[in-house]
PDB file of N, CA and C in Angstrom:
ATOM      1  N   MET A   1       5.841   6.615   1.789  1.00  0.00           N
ATOM      2  CA  MET A   1       4.009   6.764   1.727  1.00  0.00           C
ATOM      3  C   MET A   1       3.586   5.746   2.536  1.00  0.00           C
ATOM      4  N   ILE A   2       2.806   5.548   3.546  1.00  0.00           N
ATOM      5  CA  ILE A   2       2.123   4.698   3.617  1.00  0.00           C
ATOM      6  C   ILE A   2       0.405   5.124   2.900  1.00  0.00           C
ATOM      7  N   TYR A   3      -0.488   4.125   1.944  1.00  0.00           N
ATOM      8  CA  TYR A   3      -1.506   4.488   1.858  1.00  0.00           C
ATOM      9  C   TYR A   3      -2.373   4.177   3.191  1.00  0.00           C
ATOM     10  N   LYS A   4      -3.129   5.457   3.761  1.00  0.00           N
ATOM     11  CA  LYS A   4      -3.819   4.697   4.685  1.00  0.00           C
ATOM     12  C   LYS A   4      -5.673   5.113   5.003  1.00  0.00           C
ATOM     13  N   PRO A   5      -6.651   3.801   4.267  1.00  0.00           N
ATOM     14  CA  PRO A   5      -7.778   4.110   3.720  1.00  0.00           C
ATOM     15  C   PRO A   5      -8.648   4.878   4.830  1.00  0.00           C
ATOM     16  N   VAL A   6      -8.163   5.637   5.815  1.00  0.00           N
ATOM     17  CA  VAL A   6      -9.177   6.137   6.660  1.00  0.00           C
ATOM     18  C   VAL A   6      -8.777   7.500   6.442  1.00  0.00           C
ATOM     19  N   VAL A   7      -8.014   7.242   5.611  1.00  0.00           N
ATOM     20  CA  VAL A   7      -7.501   8.992   4.896  1.00  0.00           C
ATOM     21  C   VAL A   7      -8.219   8.927   3.811  1.00  0.00           C
ATOM     22  N   GLY A   8      -7.551   8.341   2.878  1.00  0.00           N
ATOM     23  CA  GLY A   8      -7.629   8.128   1.385  1.00  0.00           C
ATOM     24  C   GLY A   8      -6.795   8.870   0.495  1.00  0.00           C
ATOM     25  N   ASN A   9      -6.727  10.086   0.196  1.00  0.00           N
ATOM     26  CA  ASN A   9      -5.919  10.381  -0.554  1.00  0.00           C
ATOM     27  C   ASN A   9      -6.263  11.642  -1.523  1.00  0.00           C
ATOM     28  N   PRO A  10      -7.258  12.357  -0.713  1.00  0.00           N
ATOM     29  CA  PRO A  10      -7.534  13.219  -1.938  1.00  0.00           C
ATOM     30  C   PRO A  10      -6.869  14.295  -2.425  1.00  0.00           C
ATOM     31  N   ASP A  11      -5.631  14.901  -2.763  1.00  0.00           N
ATOM     32  CA  ASP A  11      -5.294  14.973  -3.314  1.00  0.00           C
ATOM     33  C   ASP A  11      -4.902  14.140  -4.853  1.00  0.00           C
ATOM     34  N   SER A  12      -5.344  12.957  -5.046  1.00  0.00           N
ATOM     35  CA  SER A  12      -5.511  11.831  -6.020  1.00  0.00           C
ATOM     36  C   SER A  12      -6.572  11.990  -6.076  1.00  0.00           C
ATOM     37  N   GLY A  13      -7.897  12.159  -5.991  1.00  0.00           N
ATOM     38  CA  GLY A  13      -9.141  11.884  -6.214  1.00  0.00           C
ATOM     39  C   GLY A  13      -9.814  10.926  -5.332  1.00  0.00           C
ATOM     40  N   ILE A  14      -9.378   9.874  -4.372  1.00  0.00           N
ATOM     41  CA  ILE A  14      -9.394   9.208  -3.598  1.00  0.00           C
ATOM     42  C   ILE A  14     -10.152   9.460  -2.276  1.00  0.00           C
ATOM     43  N   ALA A  15     -11.260   9.437  -2.200  1.00  0.00           N
ATOM     44  CA  ALA A  15     -12.093   9.725  -0.888  1.00  0.00           C
ATOM     45  C   ALA A  15     -11.563   8.961   0.168  1.00  0.00           C
ATOM     46  N   PRO A  16     -11.525   9.128   1.215  1.00  0.00           N
ATOM     47  CA  PRO A  16     -11.247   8.719   2.560  1.00  0.00           C
ATOM     48  C   PRO A  16     -12.406   7.490   2.614  1.00  0.00           C
ATOM     49  N   GLY A  17     -11.594   6.663   3.555  1.00  0.00           N
ATOM     50  CA  GLY A  17     -12.424   5.388   3.700  1.00  0.00           C
ATOM     51  C   GLY A  17     -12.550   4.508   2.262  1.00  0.00           C
ATOM     52  N   THR A  18     -11.452   4.714   1.395  1.00  0.00           N
ATOM     53  CA  THR A  18     -10.886   4.103   0.227  1.00  0.00           C
ATOM     54  C   THR A  18     -10.356   2.650   0.165  1.00  0.00           C
ATOM     55  N   ALA A  19     -10.630   1.737   0.168  1.00  0.00           N
ATOM     56  CA  ALA A  19     -10.247   0.600   0.788  1.00  0.00           C
ATOM     57  C   ALA A  19      -8.824   0.643  -0.691  1.00  0.00           C
ATOM     58  N   PHE A  20      -7.647   0.187  -0.660  1.00  0.00           N
ATOM     59  CA  PHE A  20      -6.571   0.076  -1.593  1.00  0.00           C
ATOM     60  C   PHE A  20      -7.077  -0.674  -2.398  1.00  0.00           C
ATOM     61  N   ALA A  21      -7.741  -1.398  -2.197  1.00  0.00           N
ATOM     62  CA  ALA A  21      -8.366  -2.476  -3.623  1.00  0.00           C
ATOM     63  C   ALA A  21      -9.127  -1.965  -4.518  1.00  0.00           C
ATOM     64  N   ALA A  22      -9.760  -0.682  -3.879  1.00  0.00           N
ATOM     65  CA  ALA A  22     -11.120  -0.207  -4.580  1.00  0.00           C
ATOM     66  C   ALA A  22     -10.528   0.864  -5.354  1.00  0.00           C
ATOM     67  N   ILE A  23      -9.013   1.703  -5.266  1.00  0.00           N
ATOM     68  CA  ILE A  23      -8.678   2.919  -5.783  1.00  0.00           C
ATOM     69  C   ILE A  23      -8.098   2.284  -7.769  1.00  0.00           C
ATOM     70  N   PRO A  24      -9.113   2.493  -8.673  1.00  0.00           N
ATOM     71  CA  PRO A  24      -8.608   1.982 -10.053  1.00  0.00           C
ATOM     72  C   PRO A  24      -6.910   1.668 -10.237  1.00  0.00           C
ATOM     73  N   ASP A  25      -7.440   0.545 -11.432  1.00  0.00           N
ATOM     74  CA  ASP A  25      -6.153  -0.489 -11.358  1.00  0.00           C
ATOM     75  C   ASP A  25      -5.261   0.406 -12.191  1.00  0.00           C
ATOM     76  N   ASN A  26      -5.670   2.031 -12.827  1.00  0.00           N
ATOM     77  CA  ASN A  26      -5.018   2.545 -13.434  1.00  0.00           C
ATOM     78  C   ASN A  26      -4.495   4.052 -12.476  1.00  0.00           C
ATOM     79  N   TRP A  27      -4.069   4.302 -11.187  1.00  0.00           N
ATOM     80  CA  TRP A  27      -3.829   5.487 -10.393  1.00  0.00           C
ATOM     81  C   TRP A  27      -2.400   5.164  -9.970  1.00  0.00           C
ATOM     82  N   GLU A  28      -2.064   5.962  -9.799  1.00  0.00           N
ATOM     83  CA  GLU A  28      -0.710   6.879 -10.354  1.00  0.00           C
ATOM     84  C   GLU A  28      -0.045   7.392  -8.707  1.00  0.00           C
ATOM     85  N   CYS A  29       1.019   7.042  -8.079  1.00  0.00           N
ATOM     86  CA  CYS A  29       1.080   7.819  -6.736  1.00  0.00           C
ATOM     87  C   CYS A  29       1.894   9.095  -6.891  1.00  0.00           C
ATOM     88  N   PRO A  30       0.599   9.692  -6.260  1.00  0.00           N
ATOM     89  CA  PRO A  30       1.102  11.412  -6.836  1.00  0.00           C
ATOM     90  C   PRO A  30       2.152  12.251  -6.734  1.00  0.00           C
ATOM     91  N   ILE A  31       3.065  11.107  -5.718  1.00  0.00           N
ATOM     92  CA  ILE A  31       4.861  11.222  -5.164  1.00  0.00           C
ATOM     93  C   ILE A  31       5.784  11.012  -6.654  1.00  0.00           C
ATOM     94  N   CYS A  32       5.926   9.402  -6.404  1.00  0.00           N
ATOM     95  CA  CYS A  32       6.951   8.995  -7.682  1.00  0.00           C
ATOM     96  C   CYS A  32       6.035   8.791  -8.775  1.00  0.00           C
ATOM     97  N   GLY A  33       5.198   8.682  -9.184  1.00  0.00           N
ATOM     98  CA  GLY A  33       4.665   8.235 -10.454  1.00  0.00           C
ATOM     99  C   GLY A  33       3.977   6.856 -10.199  1.00  0.00           C
ATOM    100  N   ALA A  34       4.210   5.982  -9.660  1.00  0.00           N
ATOM    101  CA  ALA A  34       4.514   4.519  -9.448  1.00  0.00           C
ATOM    102  C   ALA A  34       2.459   4.293  -9.651  1.00  0.00           C
ATOM    103  N   THR A  35       2.818   2.946 -10.395  1.00  0.00           N
ATOM    104  CA  THR A  35       1.576   2.826 -10.430  1.00  0.00           C
ATOM    105  C   THR A  35       0.630   1.741  -9.313  1.00  0.00           C
ATOM    106  N   LYS A  36      -0.079   1.767  -9.160  1.00  0.00           N
ATOM    107  CA  LYS A  36      -1.518   0.796  -8.451  1.00  0.00           C
ATOM    108  C   LYS A  36      -0.562  -0.749  -7.931  1.00  0.00           C
ATOM    109  N   LYS A  37      -0.503  -1.190  -9.108  1.00  0.00           N
ATOM    110  CA  LYS A  37       0.402  -3.035  -9.496  1.00  0.00           C
ATOM    111  C   LYS A  37       1.343  -2.694  -8.855  1.00  0.00           C
ATOM    112  N   THR A  38       2.781  -1.799  -8.675  1.00  0.00           N
ATOM    113  CA  THR A  38       3.917  -1.570  -8.544  1.00  0.00           C
ATOM    114  C   THR A  38       3.752  -1.760  -6.375  1.00  0.00           C
ATOM    115  N   PHE A  39       2.919  -1.286  -5.552  1.00  0.00           N
ATOM    116  CA  PHE A  39       2.253  -1.434  -4.689  1.00  0.00           C
ATOM    117  C   PHE A  39       1.998  -2.993  -3.671  1.00  0.00           C
ATOM    118  N   ILE A  40       2.943  -2.804  -3.393  1.00  0.00           N
ATOM    119  CA  ILE A  40       2.858  -4.397  -1.928  1.00  0.00           C
ATOM    120  C   ILE A  40       1.918  -3.707  -0.601  1.00  0.00           C
ATOM    121  N   PRO A  41       0.817  -4.221   0.106  1.00  0.00           N
ATOM    122  CA  PRO A  41       0.109  -4.265   1.271  1.00  0.00           C
ATOM    123  C   PRO A  41       1.306  -3.794   2.189  1.00  0.00           C
ATOM    124  N   TYR A  42       0.870  -3.015   2.767  1.00  0.00           N
ATOM    125  CA  TYR A  42       2.190  -3.051   4.419  1.00  0.00           C
ATOM    126  C   TYR A  42       2.139  -4.732   4.899  1.00  0.00           C
ATOM    127  N   GLN A  43       1.013  -4.632   4.968  1.00  0.00           N
ATOM    128  CA  GLN A  43       0.661  -6.192   6.195  1.00  0.00           C
ATOM    129  C   GLN A  43       1.272  -6.882   5.835  1.00  0.00           C
ATOM    130  N   GLU A  44       1.887  -7.005   4.209  1.00  0.00           N
ATOM    131  CA  GLU A  44       2.580  -8.582   3.362  1.00  0.00           C
ATOM    132  C   GLU A  44       4.048  -8.256   3.905  1.00  0.00           C
ATOM    133  N   ILE A  45       4.107  -7.065   4.198  1.00  0.00           N
ATOM    134  CA  ILE A  45       5.822  -6.577   4.141  1.00  0.00           C
ATOM    135  C   ILE A  45       6.172  -7.076   5.205  1.00  0.00           C
ATOM    136  N   VAL A  46       5.338  -6.497   6.203  1.00  0.00           N
ATOM    137  CA  VAL A  46       5.390  -6.713   7.936  1.00  0.00           C
ATOM    138  C   VAL A  46       5.449  -8.422   7.985  1.00  0.00           C
ATOM    139  N   LEU A  47       4.220  -9.276   7.447  1.00  0.00           N
ATOM    140  CA  LEU A  47       4.519 -10.687   7.645  1.00  0.00           C
ATOM    141  C   LEU A  47       5.916 -11.510   6.901  1.00  0.00           C
ATOM    142  N   ALA A  48       6.311 -10.545   5.801  1.00  0.00           N
ATOM    143  CA  ALA A  48       7.155 -11.339   5.568  1.00  0.00           C
ATOM    144  C   ALA A  48       8.903 -11.073   6.293  1.00  0.00           C
ATOM    145  N   TYR A  49       8.547 -10.231   7.118  1.00  0.00           N
ATOM    146  CA  TYR A  49      10.029  -9.826   7.738  1.00  0.00           C
ATOM    147  C   TYR A  49       9.807 -10.444   8.797  1.00  0.00           C
ATOM    148  N   ASN A  50       8.746 -10.433   9.543  1.00  0.00           N
ATOM    149  CA  ASN A  50       8.703 -11.408  10.728  1.00  0.00           C
ATOM    150  C   ASN A  50       8.852 -12.831  10.400  1.00  0.00           C
ATOM    151  N   TRP A  51       8.541 -13.422   9.020  1.00  0.00           N
ATOM    152  CA  TRP A  51       8.955 -14.956   8.541  1.00  0.00           C
ATOM    153  C   TRP A  51      10.286 -14.975   8.455  1.00  0.00           C
ATOM    154  N   LEU A  52      11.057 -13.629   8.178  1.00  0.00           N
ATOM    155  CA  LEU A  52      12.266 -13.886   7.883  1.00  0.00           C
ATOM    156  C   LEU A  52      13.432 -14.120   8.822  1.00  0.00           C
ATOM    157  N   ARG A  53      12.408 -13.105   9.963  1.00  0.00           N
ATOM    158  CA  ARG A  53      13.308 -13.001  11.178  1.00  0.00           C
ATOM    159  C   ARG A  53      12.918 -14.390  12.207  1.00  0.00           C
ATOM    160  N   ALA A  54      12.415 -15.170  11.594  1.00  0.00           N
ATOM    161  CA  ALA A  54      12.058 -16.099  12.491  1.00  0.00           C
ATOM    162  C   ALA A  54      13.169 -17.009  11.842  1.00  0.00           C
ATOM    163  N   LEU A  55      12.957 -17.472  10.745  1.00  0.00           N
ATOM    164  CA  LEU A  55      13.522 -18.259   9.817  1.00  0.00           C
ATOM    165  C   LEU A  55      15.382 -18.134  10.595  1.00  0.00           C
ATOM    166  N   CYS A  56      16.109 -16.676  10.569  1.00  0.00           N
ATOM    167  CA  CYS A  56      17.020 -16.295  10.871  1.00  0.00           C
ATOM    168  C   CYS A  56      17.867 -16.727  12.329  1.00  0.00           C
ATOM    169  N   LYS A  57      16.577 -17.317  13.201  1.00  0.00           N
ATOM    170  CA  LYS A  57      16.682 -17.641  14.329  1.00  0.00           C
ATOM    171  C   LYS A  57      16.344 -18.532  14.825  1.00  0.00           C
ATOM    172  N   SER A  58      16.552 -19.530  13.326  1.00  0.00           N
ATOM    173  CA  SER A  58      16.389 -21.372  13.615  1.00  0.00           C
ATOM    174  C   SER A  58      17.674 -21.747  13.834  1.00  0.00           C
TER     175      SER A  58
END
């Protein structure tokens, strides 16, 4: 599941429009129970993937 700030996570008490950085540090994923600190922003994953793809083509 990808957190979408525009949607929030009402089931967890996170209002729509809440940036991921603004979610309390003690928040846990309602699906898997993972803590906030274990998540990596999606954009960072995409940038790392693109960097690795470019590196492998070299």
